[in-house]
Each structure stands twice: as C-alpha cells, then as structure tokens.
Amino acid sequence: MQYNKDLESEHKNLFLQAREFILSFEGIIETKKKRITTYSNEKGGICHMRTMPNGIDFGFLKGAKMEDNLGLLTGKGKAIRVLPQKELNKKAVEYYIKQAIEINSKK
C-alpha cells in the first residue's frame, strides 16, 4: 500500500503533518488505496497525497477547474493539478482544498 510506503519515506513527518491538516477540514474522508491515499467528502474527490523524492505532492482531482492565483499548481492534464510541497504551506493547501470543496458542492 502506498500509505505504508509514505510512512517509511524520509518525508514521513511532512506526510503525517499534511494528513492531519487535511483531515481537520469538516467532512473529509481518507481512503487508503494500493497506489495512493485519497481524500474526499460526501460530494466527491478532493485530492490525493503521497510522498515524493523531494517532499510530498497533493494531486487536486478537479485542479483544472480551480483558480490558481497563487501560481503553485503544476500540470497541464484535463483534470488533475499537482501542488508539490517541500514543507507544508498550510495557507496554500487550505486555499486549494476550499476550492475543491466548493467545486464539489456545485454538483
């Protein structure tokens, strides 16, 4: 499971800090899958998260629909945008999570 690999990573503490922060948002559900750990609410997916060689990545599942006024998201796919983190920027993560929740609420 990817979650177990994340806990064995040199970025374990960053992963756990980010996990705790994501789960602090009301209604967020964590799902540990074989290849990724995902976060959603009752309206749909929010993001996934995993450790990477340089830190952690948040993959925002509806990132292409988000405003990126902070200019921190990477990727050019049809849906997902990635927020790489070497240390947790709570303000940035909150900015994107709140948008994801808002997008889900419009379903």
PDB file of N, CA and C in Angstrom:
ATOM      1  N   MET A   1       0.827  -1.200   0.000  1.00  0.00           N
ATOM      2  CA  MET A   1       0.000   0.000   0.000  1.00  0.00           C
ATOM      3  C   MET A   1       0.864   1.254   0.000  1.00  0.00           C
ATOM      4  N   GLN A   2       0.432   2.233  -0.768  1.00  0.00           N
ATOM      5  CA  GLN A   2       1.193   3.476  -0.843  1.00  0.00           C
ATOM      6  C   GLN A   2       1.291   4.146   0.530  1.00  0.00           C
ATOM      7  N   TYR A   3       0.230   4.073   1.320  1.00  0.00           N
ATOM      8  CA  TYR A   3       0.239   4.691   2.650  1.00  0.00           C
ATOM      9  C   TYR A   3       1.405   4.163   3.485  1.00  0.00           C
ATOM     10  N   ASN A   4       1.629   2.855   3.431  1.00  0.00           N
ATOM     11  CA  ASN A   4       2.735   2.256   4.181  1.00  0.00           C
ATOM     12  C   ASN A   4       4.083   2.745   3.653  1.00  0.00           C
ATOM     13  N   LYS A   5       4.196   2.890   2.329  1.00  0.00           N
ATOM     14  CA  LYS A   5       5.422   3.431   1.743  1.00  0.00           C
ATOM     15  C   LYS A   5       5.645   4.867   2.201  1.00  0.00           C
ATOM     16  N   ASP A   6       4.571   5.635   2.283  1.00  0.00           N
ATOM     17  CA  ASP A   6       4.666   7.031   2.745  1.00  0.00           C
ATOM     18  C   ASP A   6       5.186   7.091   4.177  1.00  0.00           C
ATOM     19  N   LEU A   7       4.762   6.130   4.995  1.00  0.00           N
ATOM     20  CA  LEU A   7       5.208   6.103   6.394  1.00  0.00           C
ATOM     21  C   LEU A   7       6.659   5.636   6.531  1.00  0.00           C
ATOM     22  N   GLU A   8       7.189   5.030   5.498  1.00  0.00           N
ATOM     23  CA  GLU A   8       8.585   4.605   5.501  1.00  0.00           C
ATOM     24  C   GLU A   8       9.503   5.622   4.820  1.00  0.00           C
ATOM     25  N   SER A   9       8.927   6.637   4.226  1.00  0.00           N
ATOM     26  CA  SER A   9       9.675   7.645   3.477  1.00  0.00           C
ATOM     27  C   SER A   9      10.460   8.568   4.398  1.00  0.00           C
ATOM     28  N   GLU A  10      11.521   9.165   3.858  1.00  0.00           N
ATOM     29  CA  GLU A  10      12.248  10.189   4.609  1.00  0.00           C
ATOM     30  C   GLU A  10      11.365  11.420   4.851  1.00  0.00           C
ATOM     31  N   HIS A  11      10.252  11.527   4.109  1.00  0.00           N
ATOM     32  CA  HIS A  11       9.332  12.656   4.264  1.00  0.00           C
ATOM     33  C   HIS A  11       8.093  12.279   5.082  1.00  0.00           C
ATOM     34  N   LYS A  12       8.226  11.232   5.881  1.00  0.00           N
ATOM     35  CA  LYS A  12       7.122  10.729   6.708  1.00  0.00           C
ATOM     36  C   LYS A  12       6.510  11.839   7.564  1.00  0.00           C
ATOM     37  N   ASN A  13       7.340  12.632   8.249  1.00  0.00           N
ATOM     38  CA  ASN A  13       6.807  13.665   9.147  1.00  0.00           C
ATOM     39  C   ASN A  13       6.000  14.705   8.387  1.00  0.00           C
ATOM     40  N   LEU A  14       6.480  15.103   7.214  1.00  0.00           N
ATOM     41  CA  LEU A  14       5.741  16.054   6.382  1.00  0.00           C
ATOM     42  C   LEU A  14       4.424  15.432   5.933  1.00  0.00           C
ATOM     43  N   PHE A  15       4.457  14.178   5.529  1.00  0.00           N
ATOM     44  CA  PHE A  15       3.247  13.474   5.110  1.00  0.00           C
ATOM     45  C   PHE A  15       2.220  13.439   6.245  1.00  0.00           C
ATOM     46  N   LEU A  16       2.661  13.080   7.442  1.00  0.00           N
ATOM     47  CA  LEU A  16       1.736  12.989   8.581  1.00  0.00           C
ATOM     48  C   LEU A  16       1.194  14.356   8.987  1.00  0.00           C
ATOM     49  N   GLN A  17       2.032  15.371   8.904  1.00  0.00           N
ATOM     50  CA  GLN A  17       1.590  16.738   9.219  1.00  0.00           C
ATOM     51  C   GLN A  17       0.519  17.178   8.208  1.00  0.00           C
ATOM     52  N   ALA A  18       0.757  16.913   6.935  1.00  0.00           N
ATOM     53  CA  ALA A  18      -0.205  17.277   5.891  1.00  0.00           C
ATOM     54  C   ALA A  18      -1.494  16.473   6.032  1.00  0.00           C
ATOM     55  N   ARG A  19      -1.370  15.196   6.351  1.00  0.00           N
ATOM     56  CA  ARG A  19      -2.534  14.331   6.546  1.00  0.00           C
ATOM     57  C   ARG A  19      -3.414  14.865   7.661  1.00  0.00           C
ATOM     58  N   GLU A  20      -2.805  15.207   8.780  1.00  0.00           N
ATOM     59  CA  GLU A  20      -3.554  15.757   9.912  1.00  0.00           C
ATOM     60  C   GLU A  20      -4.269  17.046   9.514  1.00  0.00           C
ATOM     61  N   PHE A  21      -3.589  17.883   8.737  1.00  0.00           N
ATOM     62  CA  PHE A  21      -4.192  19.150   8.304  1.00  0.00           C
ATOM     63  C   PHE A  21      -5.394  18.905   7.396  1.00  0.00           C
ATOM     64  N   ILE A  22      -5.254  18.010   6.425  1.00  0.00           N
ATOM     65  CA  ILE A  22      -6.372  17.713   5.519  1.00  0.00           C
ATOM     66  C   ILE A  22      -7.566  17.177   6.308  1.00  0.00           C
ATOM     67  N   LEU A  23      -7.291  16.263   7.223  1.00  0.00           N
ATOM     68  CA  LEU A  23      -8.389  15.653   7.988  1.00  0.00           C
ATOM     69  C   LEU A  23      -9.041  16.621   8.965  1.00  0.00           C
ATOM     70  N   SER A  24      -8.441  17.787   9.168  1.00  0.00           N
ATOM     71  CA  SER A  24      -9.041  18.791  10.057  1.00  0.00           C
ATOM     72  C   SER A  24     -10.212  19.518   9.392  1.00  0.00           C
ATOM     73  N   PHE A  25     -10.356  19.389   8.078  1.00  0.00           N
ATOM     74  CA  PHE A  25     -11.482  20.017   7.380  1.00  0.00           C
ATOM     75  C   PHE A  25     -12.722  19.152   7.585  1.00  0.00           C
ATOM     76  N   GLU A  26     -13.824  19.786   7.879  1.00  0.00           N
ATOM     77  CA  GLU A  26     -15.059  19.066   8.184  1.00  0.00           C
ATOM     78  C   GLU A  26     -15.495  18.179   7.022  1.00  0.00           C
ATOM     79  N   GLY A  27     -15.823  16.941   7.340  1.00  0.00           N
ATOM     80  CA  GLY A  27     -16.388  16.021   6.369  1.00  0.00           C
ATOM     81  C   GLY A  27     -15.382  15.320   5.471  1.00  0.00           C
ATOM     82  N   ILE A  28     -14.091  15.516   5.686  1.00  0.00           N
ATOM     83  CA  ILE A  28     -13.083  14.885   4.835  1.00  0.00           C
ATOM     84  C   ILE A  28     -12.906  13.414   5.238  1.00  0.00           C
ATOM     85  N   ILE A  29     -12.896  12.561   4.232  1.00  0.00           N
ATOM     86  CA  ILE A  29     -12.763  11.123   4.419  1.00  0.00           C
ATOM     87  C   ILE A  29     -11.456  10.669   3.754  1.00  0.00           C
ATOM     88  N   GLU A  30     -10.682   9.883   4.470  1.00  0.00           N
ATOM     89  CA  GLU A  30      -9.433   9.351   3.931  1.00  0.00           C
ATOM     90  C   GLU A  30      -9.663   7.923   3.450  1.00  0.00           C
ATOM     91  N   THR A  31      -9.136   7.596   2.267  1.00  0.00           N
ATOM     92  CA  THR A  31      -9.213   6.248   1.725  1.00  0.00           C
ATOM     93  C   THR A  31      -7.807   5.817   1.330  1.00  0.00           C
ATOM     94  N   LYS A  32      -7.341   4.742   1.942  1.00  0.00           N
ATOM     95  CA  LYS A  32      -6.005   4.220   1.650  1.00  0.00           C
ATOM     96  C   LYS A  32      -6.131   3.170   0.550  1.00  0.00           C
ATOM     97  N   LYS A  33      -5.626   3.509  -0.627  1.00  0.00           N
ATOM     98  CA  LYS A  33      -5.673   2.605  -1.765  1.00  0.00           C
ATOM     99  C   LYS A  33      -4.287   2.035  -2.018  1.00  0.00           C
ATOM    100  N   LYS A  34      -4.230   1.034  -2.855  1.00  0.00           N
ATOM    101  CA  LYS A  34      -2.955   0.377  -3.128  1.00  0.00           C
ATOM    102  C   LYS A  34      -1.912   1.361  -3.644  1.00  0.00           C
ATOM    103  N   ARG A  35      -2.298   2.259  -4.546  1.00  0.00           N
ATOM    104  CA  ARG A  35      -1.327   3.139  -5.202  1.00  0.00           C
ATOM    105  C   ARG A  35      -1.324   4.577  -4.697  1.00  0.00           C
ATOM    106  N   ILE A  36      -2.304   4.950  -3.872  1.00  0.00           N
ATOM    107  CA  ILE A  36      -2.399   6.355  -3.456  1.00  0.00           C
ATOM    108  C   ILE A  36      -3.343   6.467  -2.259  1.00  0.00           C
ATOM    109  N   THR A  37      -3.181   7.517  -1.481  1.00  0.00           N
ATOM    110  CA  THR A  37      -4.114   7.826  -0.402  1.00  0.00           C
ATOM    111  C   THR A  37      -4.965   8.995  -0.883  1.00  0.00           C
ATOM    112  N   THR A  38      -6.282   8.828  -0.838  1.00  0.00           N
ATOM    113  CA  THR A  38      -7.172   9.860  -1.359  1.00  0.00           C
ATOM    114  C   THR A  38      -7.995  10.490  -0.244  1.00  0.00           C
ATOM    115  N   TYR A  39      -8.462  11.697  -0.540  1.00  0.00           N
ATOM    116  CA  TYR A  39      -9.286  12.455   0.393  1.00  0.00           C
ATOM    117  C   TYR A  39     -10.497  12.970  -0.375  1.00  0.00           C
ATOM    118  N   SER A  40     -11.664  12.794   0.241  1.00  0.00           N
ATOM    119  CA  SER A  40     -12.918  13.175  -0.405  1.00  0.00           C
ATOM    120  C   SER A  40     -13.896  13.666   0.653  1.00  0.00           C
ATOM    121  N   ASN A  41     -15.033  14.145   0.180  1.00  0.00           N
ATOM    122  CA  ASN A  41     -16.158  14.413   1.074  1.00  0.00           C
ATOM    123  C   ASN A  41     -17.378  13.736   0.465  1.00  0.00           C
ATOM    124  N   GLU A  42     -18.542  13.947   1.037  1.00  0.00           N
ATOM    125  CA  GLU A  42     -19.727  13.235   0.562  1.00  0.00           C
ATOM    126  C   GLU A  42     -20.096  13.606  -0.870  1.00  0.00           C
ATOM    127  N   LYS A  43     -19.563  14.697  -1.380  1.00  0.00           N
ATOM    128  CA  LYS A  43     -19.887  15.148  -2.737  1.00  0.00           C
ATOM    129  C   LYS A  43     -18.885  14.691  -3.786  1.00  0.00           C
ATOM    130  N   GLY A  44     -17.738  14.119  -3.357  1.00  0.00           N
ATOM    131  CA  GLY A  44     -16.771  13.641  -4.339  1.00  0.00           C
ATOM    132  C   GLY A  44     -15.333  13.832  -3.896  1.00  0.00           C
ATOM    133  N   GLY A  45     -14.423  13.532  -4.817  1.00  0.00           N
ATOM    134  CA  GLY A  45     -12.996  13.593  -4.538  1.00  0.00           C
ATOM    135  C   GLY A  45     -12.487  15.012  -4.344  1.00  0.00           C
ATOM    136  N   ILE A  46     -11.526  15.141  -3.446  1.00  0.00           N
ATOM    137  CA  ILE A  46     -10.863  16.424  -3.180  1.00  0.00           C
ATOM    138  C   ILE A  46      -9.440  16.364  -3.739  1.00  0.00           C
ATOM    139  N   CYS A  47      -8.646  15.439  -3.206  1.00  0.00           N
ATOM    140  CA  CYS A  47      -7.253  15.328  -3.641  1.00  0.00           C
ATOM    141  C   CYS A  47      -6.699  13.966  -3.254  1.00  0.00           C
ATOM    142  N   HIS A  48      -5.512  13.696  -3.750  1.00  0.00           N
ATOM    143  CA  HIS A  48      -4.743  12.561  -3.253  1.00  0.00           C
ATOM    144  C   HIS A  48      -3.401  13.104  -2.784  1.00  0.00           C
ATOM    145  N   MET A  49      -2.692  12.297  -2.014  1.00  0.00           N
ATOM    146  CA  MET A  49      -1.413  12.757  -1.482  1.00  0.00           C
ATOM    147  C   MET A  49      -0.465  11.571  -1.380  1.00  0.00           C
ATOM    148  N   ARG A  50       0.817  11.842  -1.667  1.00  0.00           N
ATOM    149  CA  ARG A  50       1.840  10.822  -1.487  1.00  0.00           C
ATOM    150  C   ARG A  50       3.208  11.480  -1.353  1.00  0.00           C
ATOM    151  N   THR A  51       4.126  10.726  -0.796  1.00  0.00           N
ATOM    152  CA  THR A  51       5.494  11.221  -0.681  1.00  0.00           C
ATOM    153  C   THR A  51       6.178  11.096  -2.041  1.00  0.00           C
ATOM    154  N   MET A  52       7.126  11.990  -2.240  1.00  0.00           N
ATOM    155  CA  MET A  52       7.909  12.029  -3.473  1.00  0.00           C
ATOM    156  C   MET A  52       9.376  12.225  -3.091  1.00  0.00           C
ATOM    157  N   PRO A  53      10.290  12.122  -4.037  1.00  0.00           N
ATOM    158  CA  PRO A  53      11.713  12.275  -3.693  1.00  0.00           C
ATOM    159  C   PRO A  53      12.061  13.606  -3.013  1.00  0.00           C
ATOM    160  N   ASN A  54      11.315  14.671  -3.340  1.00  0.00           N
ATOM    161  CA  ASN A  54      11.631  15.989  -2.780  1.00  0.00           C
ATOM    162  C   ASN A  54      10.630  16.483  -1.745  1.00  0.00           C
ATOM    163  N   GLY A  55       9.721  15.645  -1.298  1.00  0.00           N
ATOM    164  CA  GLY A  55       8.715  16.078  -0.324  1.00  0.00           C
ATOM    165  C   GLY A  55       7.424  15.290  -0.512  1.00  0.00           C
ATOM    166  N   ILE A  56       6.312  16.016  -0.629  1.00  0.00           N
ATOM    167  CA  ILE A  56       5.015  15.391  -0.885  1.00  0.00           C
ATOM    168  C   ILE A  56       4.325  16.120  -2.025  1.00  0.00           C
ATOM    169  N   ASP A  57       3.399  15.429  -2.654  1.00  0.00           N
ATOM    170  CA  ASP A  57       2.557  16.023  -3.686  1.00  0.00           C
ATOM    171  C   ASP A  57       1.101  15.855  -3.297  1.00  0.00           C
ATOM    172  N   PHE A  58       0.345  16.933  -3.468  1.00  0.00           N
ATOM    173  CA  PHE A  58      -1.118  16.879  -3.415  1.00  0.00           C
ATOM    174  C   PHE A  58      -1.577  16.890  -4.866  1.00  0.00           C
ATOM    175  N   GLY A  59      -2.392  15.946  -5.246  1.00  0.00           N
ATOM    176  CA  GLY A  59      -2.982  15.956  -6.581  1.00  0.00           C
ATOM    177  C   GLY A  59      -4.439  16.349  -6.454  1.00  0.00           C
ATOM    178  N   PHE A  60      -4.768  17.561  -6.878  1.00  0.00           N
ATOM    179  CA  PHE A  60      -6.155  18.028  -6.780  1.00  0.00           C
ATOM    180  C   PHE A  60      -6.935  17.510  -7.979  1.00  0.00           C
ATOM    181  N   LEU A  61      -7.930  16.676  -7.690  1.00  0.00           N
ATOM    182  CA  LEU A  61      -8.632  15.907  -8.708  1.00  0.00           C
ATOM    183  C   LEU A  61      -9.398  16.774  -9.700  1.00  0.00           C
ATOM    184  N   LYS A  62      -9.802  17.963  -9.276  1.00  0.00           N
ATOM    185  CA  LYS A  62     -10.505  18.894 -10.161  1.00  0.00           C
ATOM    186  C   LYS A  62      -9.680  20.180 -10.312  1.00  0.00           C
ATOM    187  N   GLY A  63      -8.369  20.018 -10.242  1.00  0.00           N
ATOM    188  CA  GLY A  63      -7.459  21.168 -10.269  1.00  0.00           C
ATOM    189  C   GLY A  63      -7.573  22.031 -11.505  1.00  0.00           C
ATOM    190  N   ALA A  64      -7.926  21.443 -12.645  1.00  0.00           N
ATOM    191  CA  ALA A  64      -8.054  22.213 -13.886  1.00  0.00           C
ATOM    192  C   ALA A  64      -9.197  23.225 -13.792  1.00  0.00           C
ATOM    193  N   LYS A  65     -10.135  22.995 -12.890  1.00  0.00           N
ATOM    194  CA  LYS A  65     -11.267  23.912 -12.711  1.00  0.00           C
ATOM    195  C   LYS A  65     -10.987  24.995 -11.667  1.00  0.00           C
ATOM    196  N   MET A  66      -9.838  24.896 -11.001  1.00  0.00           N
ATOM    197  CA  MET A  66      -9.527  25.829  -9.913  1.00  0.00           C
ATOM    198  C   MET A  66      -8.864  27.098 -10.426  1.00  0.00           C
ATOM    199  N   GLU A  67      -9.070  28.159  -9.667  1.00  0.00           N
ATOM    200  CA  GLU A  67      -8.298  29.367  -9.890  1.00  0.00           C
ATOM    201  C   GLU A  67      -6.956  29.146  -9.203  1.00  0.00           C
ATOM    202  N   ASP A  68      -5.891  29.523  -9.873  1.00  0.00           N
ATOM    203  CA  ASP A  68      -4.561  29.341  -9.300  1.00  0.00           C
ATOM    204  C   ASP A  68      -3.892  30.700  -9.116  1.00  0.00           C
ATOM    205  N   ASN A  69      -4.521  31.537  -8.316  1.00  0.00           N
ATOM    206  CA  ASN A  69      -3.976  32.870  -8.064  1.00  0.00           C
ATOM    207  C   ASN A  69      -2.617  32.829  -7.369  1.00  0.00           C
ATOM    208  N   LEU A  70      -2.298  31.720  -6.716  1.00  0.00           N
ATOM    209  CA  LEU A  70      -1.009  31.593  -6.038  1.00  0.00           C
ATOM    210  C   LEU A  70       0.086  31.113  -7.000  1.00  0.00           C
ATOM    211  N   GLY A  71      -0.321  30.569  -8.137  1.00  0.00           N
ATOM    212  CA  GLY A  71       0.633  30.106  -9.140  1.00  0.00           C
ATOM    213  C   GLY A  71       1.478  28.926  -8.697  1.00  0.00           C
ATOM    214  N   LEU A  72       0.918  28.059  -7.855  1.00  0.00           N
ATOM    215  CA  LEU A  72       1.690  26.947  -7.293  1.00  0.00           C
ATOM    216  C   LEU A  72       1.369  25.586  -7.900  1.00  0.00           C
ATOM    217  N   LEU A  73       0.287  25.501  -8.662  1.00  0.00           N
ATOM    218  CA  LEU A  73      -0.106  24.206  -9.221  1.00  0.00           C
ATOM    219  C   LEU A  73       0.684  23.895 -10.480  1.00  0.00           C
ATOM    220  N   THR A  74       1.002  22.613 -10.647  1.00  0.00           N
ATOM    221  CA  THR A  74       1.702  22.164 -11.841  1.00  0.00           C
ATOM    222  C   THR A  74       0.834  21.175 -12.592  1.00  0.00           C
ATOM    223  N   GLY A  75       1.136  20.982 -13.863  1.00  0.00           N
ATOM    224  CA  GLY A  75       0.412  20.023 -14.682  1.00  0.00           C
ATOM    225  C   GLY A  75      -0.454  20.709 -15.713  1.00  0.00           C
ATOM    226  N   LYS A  76      -0.697  19.989 -16.796  1.00  0.00           N
ATOM    227  CA  LYS A  76      -1.498  20.532 -17.890  1.00  0.00           C
ATOM    228  C   LYS A  76      -2.546  19.531 -18.377  1.00  0.00           C
ATOM    229  N   GLY A  77      -2.820  18.517 -17.557  1.00  0.00           N
ATOM    230  CA  GLY A  77      -3.806  17.498 -17.930  1.00  0.00           C
ATOM    231  C   GLY A  77      -5.223  18.049 -17.958  1.00  0.00           C
ATOM    232  N   LYS A  78      -6.155  17.192 -18.326  1.00  0.00           N
ATOM    233  CA  LYS A  78      -7.554  17.606 -18.443  1.00  0.00           C
ATOM    234  C   LYS A  78      -8.212  17.852 -17.089  1.00  0.00           C
ATOM    235  N   ALA A  79      -7.694  17.243 -16.011  1.00  0.00           N
ATOM    236  CA  ALA A  79      -8.376  17.352 -14.719  1.00  0.00           C
ATOM    237  C   ALA A  79      -7.437  17.701 -13.564  1.00  0.00           C
ATOM    238  N   ILE A  80      -6.427  16.894 -13.340  1.00  0.00           N
ATOM    239  CA  ILE A  80      -5.608  17.000 -12.120  1.00  0.00           C
ATOM    240  C   ILE A  80      -4.551  18.088 -12.233  1.00  0.00           C
ATOM    241  N   ARG A  81      -4.350  18.782 -11.105  1.00  0.00           N
ATOM    242  CA  ARG A  81      -3.228  19.707 -10.945  1.00  0.00           C
ATOM    243  C   ARG A  81      -2.520  19.311  -9.651  1.00  0.00           C
ATOM    244  N   VAL A  82      -1.212  19.445  -9.630  1.00  0.00           N
ATOM    245  CA  VAL A  82      -0.400  18.979  -8.511  1.00  0.00           C
ATOM    246  C   VAL A  82       0.195  20.159  -7.755  1.00  0.00           C
ATOM    247  N   LEU A  83       0.153  20.042  -6.437  1.00  0.00           N
ATOM    248  CA  LEU A  83       0.780  21.021  -5.546  1.00  0.00           C
ATOM    249  C   LEU A  83       1.939  20.330  -4.842  1.00  0.00           C
ATOM    250  N   PRO A  84       3.176  20.540  -5.318  1.00  0.00           N
ATOM    251  CA  PRO A  84       4.323  19.949  -4.634  1.00  0.00           C
ATOM    252  C   PRO A  84       4.676  20.754  -3.383  1.00  0.00           C
ATOM    253  N   GLN A  85       5.091  20.049  -2.332  1.00  0.00           N
ATOM    254  CA  GLN A  85       5.433  20.707  -1.070  1.00  0.00           C
ATOM    255  C   GLN A  85       6.716  20.107  -0.500  1.00  0.00           C
ATOM    256  N   LYS A  86       7.692  20.968  -0.214  1.00  0.00           N
ATOM    257  CA  LYS A  86       8.907  20.540   0.489  1.00  0.00           C
ATOM    258  C   LYS A  86       8.736  20.743   1.987  1.00  0.00           C
ATOM    259  N   GLU A  87       7.893  21.707   2.332  1.00  0.00           N
ATOM    260  CA  GLU A  87       7.425  21.894   3.708  1.00  0.00           C
ATOM    261  C   GLU A  87       5.996  22.378   3.591  1.00  0.00           C
ATOM    262  N   LEU A  88       5.194  22.082   4.582  1.00  0.00           N
ATOM    263  CA  LEU A  88       3.757  22.332   4.480  1.00  0.00           C
ATOM    264  C   LEU A  88       3.438  23.820   4.514  1.00  0.00           C
ATOM    265  N   ASN A  89       2.831  24.287   3.435  1.00  0.00           N
ATOM    266  CA  ASN A  89       2.327  25.654   3.334  1.00  0.00           C
ATOM    267  C   ASN A  89       0.819  25.568   3.569  1.00  0.00           C
ATOM    268  N   LYS A  90       0.421  25.683   4.837  1.00  0.00           N
ATOM    269  CA  LYS A  90      -0.984  25.482   5.196  1.00  0.00           C
ATOM    270  C   LYS A  90      -1.913  26.456   4.486  1.00  0.00           C
ATOM    271  N   LYS A  91      -1.481  27.696   4.317  1.00  0.00           N
ATOM    272  CA  LYS A  91      -2.350  28.683   3.650  1.00  0.00           C
ATOM    273  C   LYS A  91      -2.620  28.286   2.211  1.00  0.00           C
ATOM    274  N   ALA A  92      -1.591  27.800   1.521  1.00  0.00           N
ATOM    275  CA  ALA A  92      -1.776  27.378   0.133  1.00  0.00           C
ATOM    276  C   ALA A  92      -2.653  26.130   0.057  1.00  0.00           C
ATOM    277  N   VAL A  93      -2.378  25.156   0.897  1.00  0.00           N
ATOM    278  CA  VAL A  93      -3.170  23.923   0.885  1.00  0.00           C
ATOM    279  C   VAL A  93      -4.632  24.245   1.190  1.00  0.00           C
ATOM    280  N   GLU A  94      -4.865  25.086   2.173  1.00  0.00           N
ATOM    281  CA  GLU A  94      -6.236  25.476   2.520  1.00  0.00           C
ATOM    282  C   GLU A  94      -6.927  26.169   1.349  1.00  0.00           C
ATOM    283  N   TYR A  95      -6.211  27.059   0.673  1.00  0.00           N
ATOM    284  CA  TYR A  95      -6.746  27.782  -0.485  1.00  0.00           C
ATOM    285  C   TYR A  95      -7.272  26.793  -1.532  1.00  0.00           C
ATOM    286  N   TYR A  96      -6.486  25.781  -1.840  1.00  0.00           N
ATOM    287  CA  TYR A  96      -6.887  24.812  -2.860  1.00  0.00           C
ATOM    288  C   TYR A  96      -7.939  23.824  -2.345  1.00  0.00           C
ATOM    289  N   ILE A  97      -7.833  23.381  -1.108  1.00  0.00           N
ATOM    290  CA  ILE A  97      -8.838  22.458  -0.554  1.00  0.00           C
ATOM    291  C   ILE A  97     -10.207  23.127  -0.522  1.00  0.00           C
ATOM    292  N   LYS A  98     -10.254  24.372  -0.091  1.00  0.00           N
ATOM    293  CA  LYS A  98     -11.548  25.077  -0.039  1.00  0.00           C
ATOM    294  C   LYS A  98     -12.157  25.201  -1.428  1.00  0.00           C
ATOM    295  N   GLN A  99     -11.325  25.434  -2.433  1.00  0.00           N
ATOM    296  CA  GLN A  99     -11.855  25.487  -3.804  1.00  0.00           C
ATOM    297  C   GLN A  99     -12.399  24.133  -4.233  1.00  0.00           C
ATOM    298  N   ALA A 100     -11.674  23.062  -3.912  1.00  0.00           N
ATOM    299  CA  ALA A 100     -12.119  21.717  -4.275  1.00  0.00           C
ATOM    300  C   ALA A 100     -13.468  21.400  -3.613  1.00  0.00           C
ATOM    301  N   ILE A 101     -13.590  21.768  -2.351  1.00  0.00           N
ATOM    302  CA  ILE A 101     -14.855  21.551  -1.644  1.00  0.00           C
ATOM    303  C   ILE A 101     -15.972  22.349  -2.308  1.00  0.00           C
ATOM    304  N   GLU A 102     -15.693  23.575  -2.692  1.00  0.00           N
ATOM    305  CA  GLU A 102     -16.686  24.434  -3.355  1.00  0.00           C
ATOM    306  C   GLU A 102     -17.097  23.841  -4.708  1.00  0.00           C
ATOM    307  N   ILE A 103     -16.134  23.362  -5.472  1.00  0.00           N
ATOM    308  CA  ILE A 103     -16.442  22.746  -6.766  1.00  0.00           C
ATOM    309  C   ILE A 103     -17.339  21.522  -6.563  1.00  0.00           C
ATOM    310  N   ASN A 104     -17.023  20.710  -5.550  1.00  0.00           N
ATOM    311  CA  ASN A 104     -17.861  19.527  -5.257  1.00  0.00           C
ATOM    312  C   ASN A 104     -19.273  19.923  -4.871  1.00  0.00           C
ATOM    313  N   SER A 105     -19.421  21.037  -4.164  1.00  0.00           N
ATOM    314  CA  SER A 105     -20.752  21.435  -3.681  1.00  0.00           C
ATOM    315  C   SER A 105     -21.666  21.866  -4.813  1.00  0.00           C
ATOM    316  N   LYS A 106     -21.109  22.146  -5.976  1.00  0.00           N
ATOM    317  CA  LYS A 106     -21.911  22.592  -7.126  1.00  0.00           C
ATOM    318  C   LYS A 106     -22.411  21.440  -7.974  1.00  0.00           C
ATOM    319  N   LYS A 107     -22.129  20.208  -7.556  1.00  0.00           N
ATOM    320  CA  LYS A 107     -22.601  19.039  -8.319  1.00  0.00           C
ATOM    321  C   LYS A 107     -24.103  18.926  -8.280  1.00  0.00           C
TER     322      LYS A 107
END
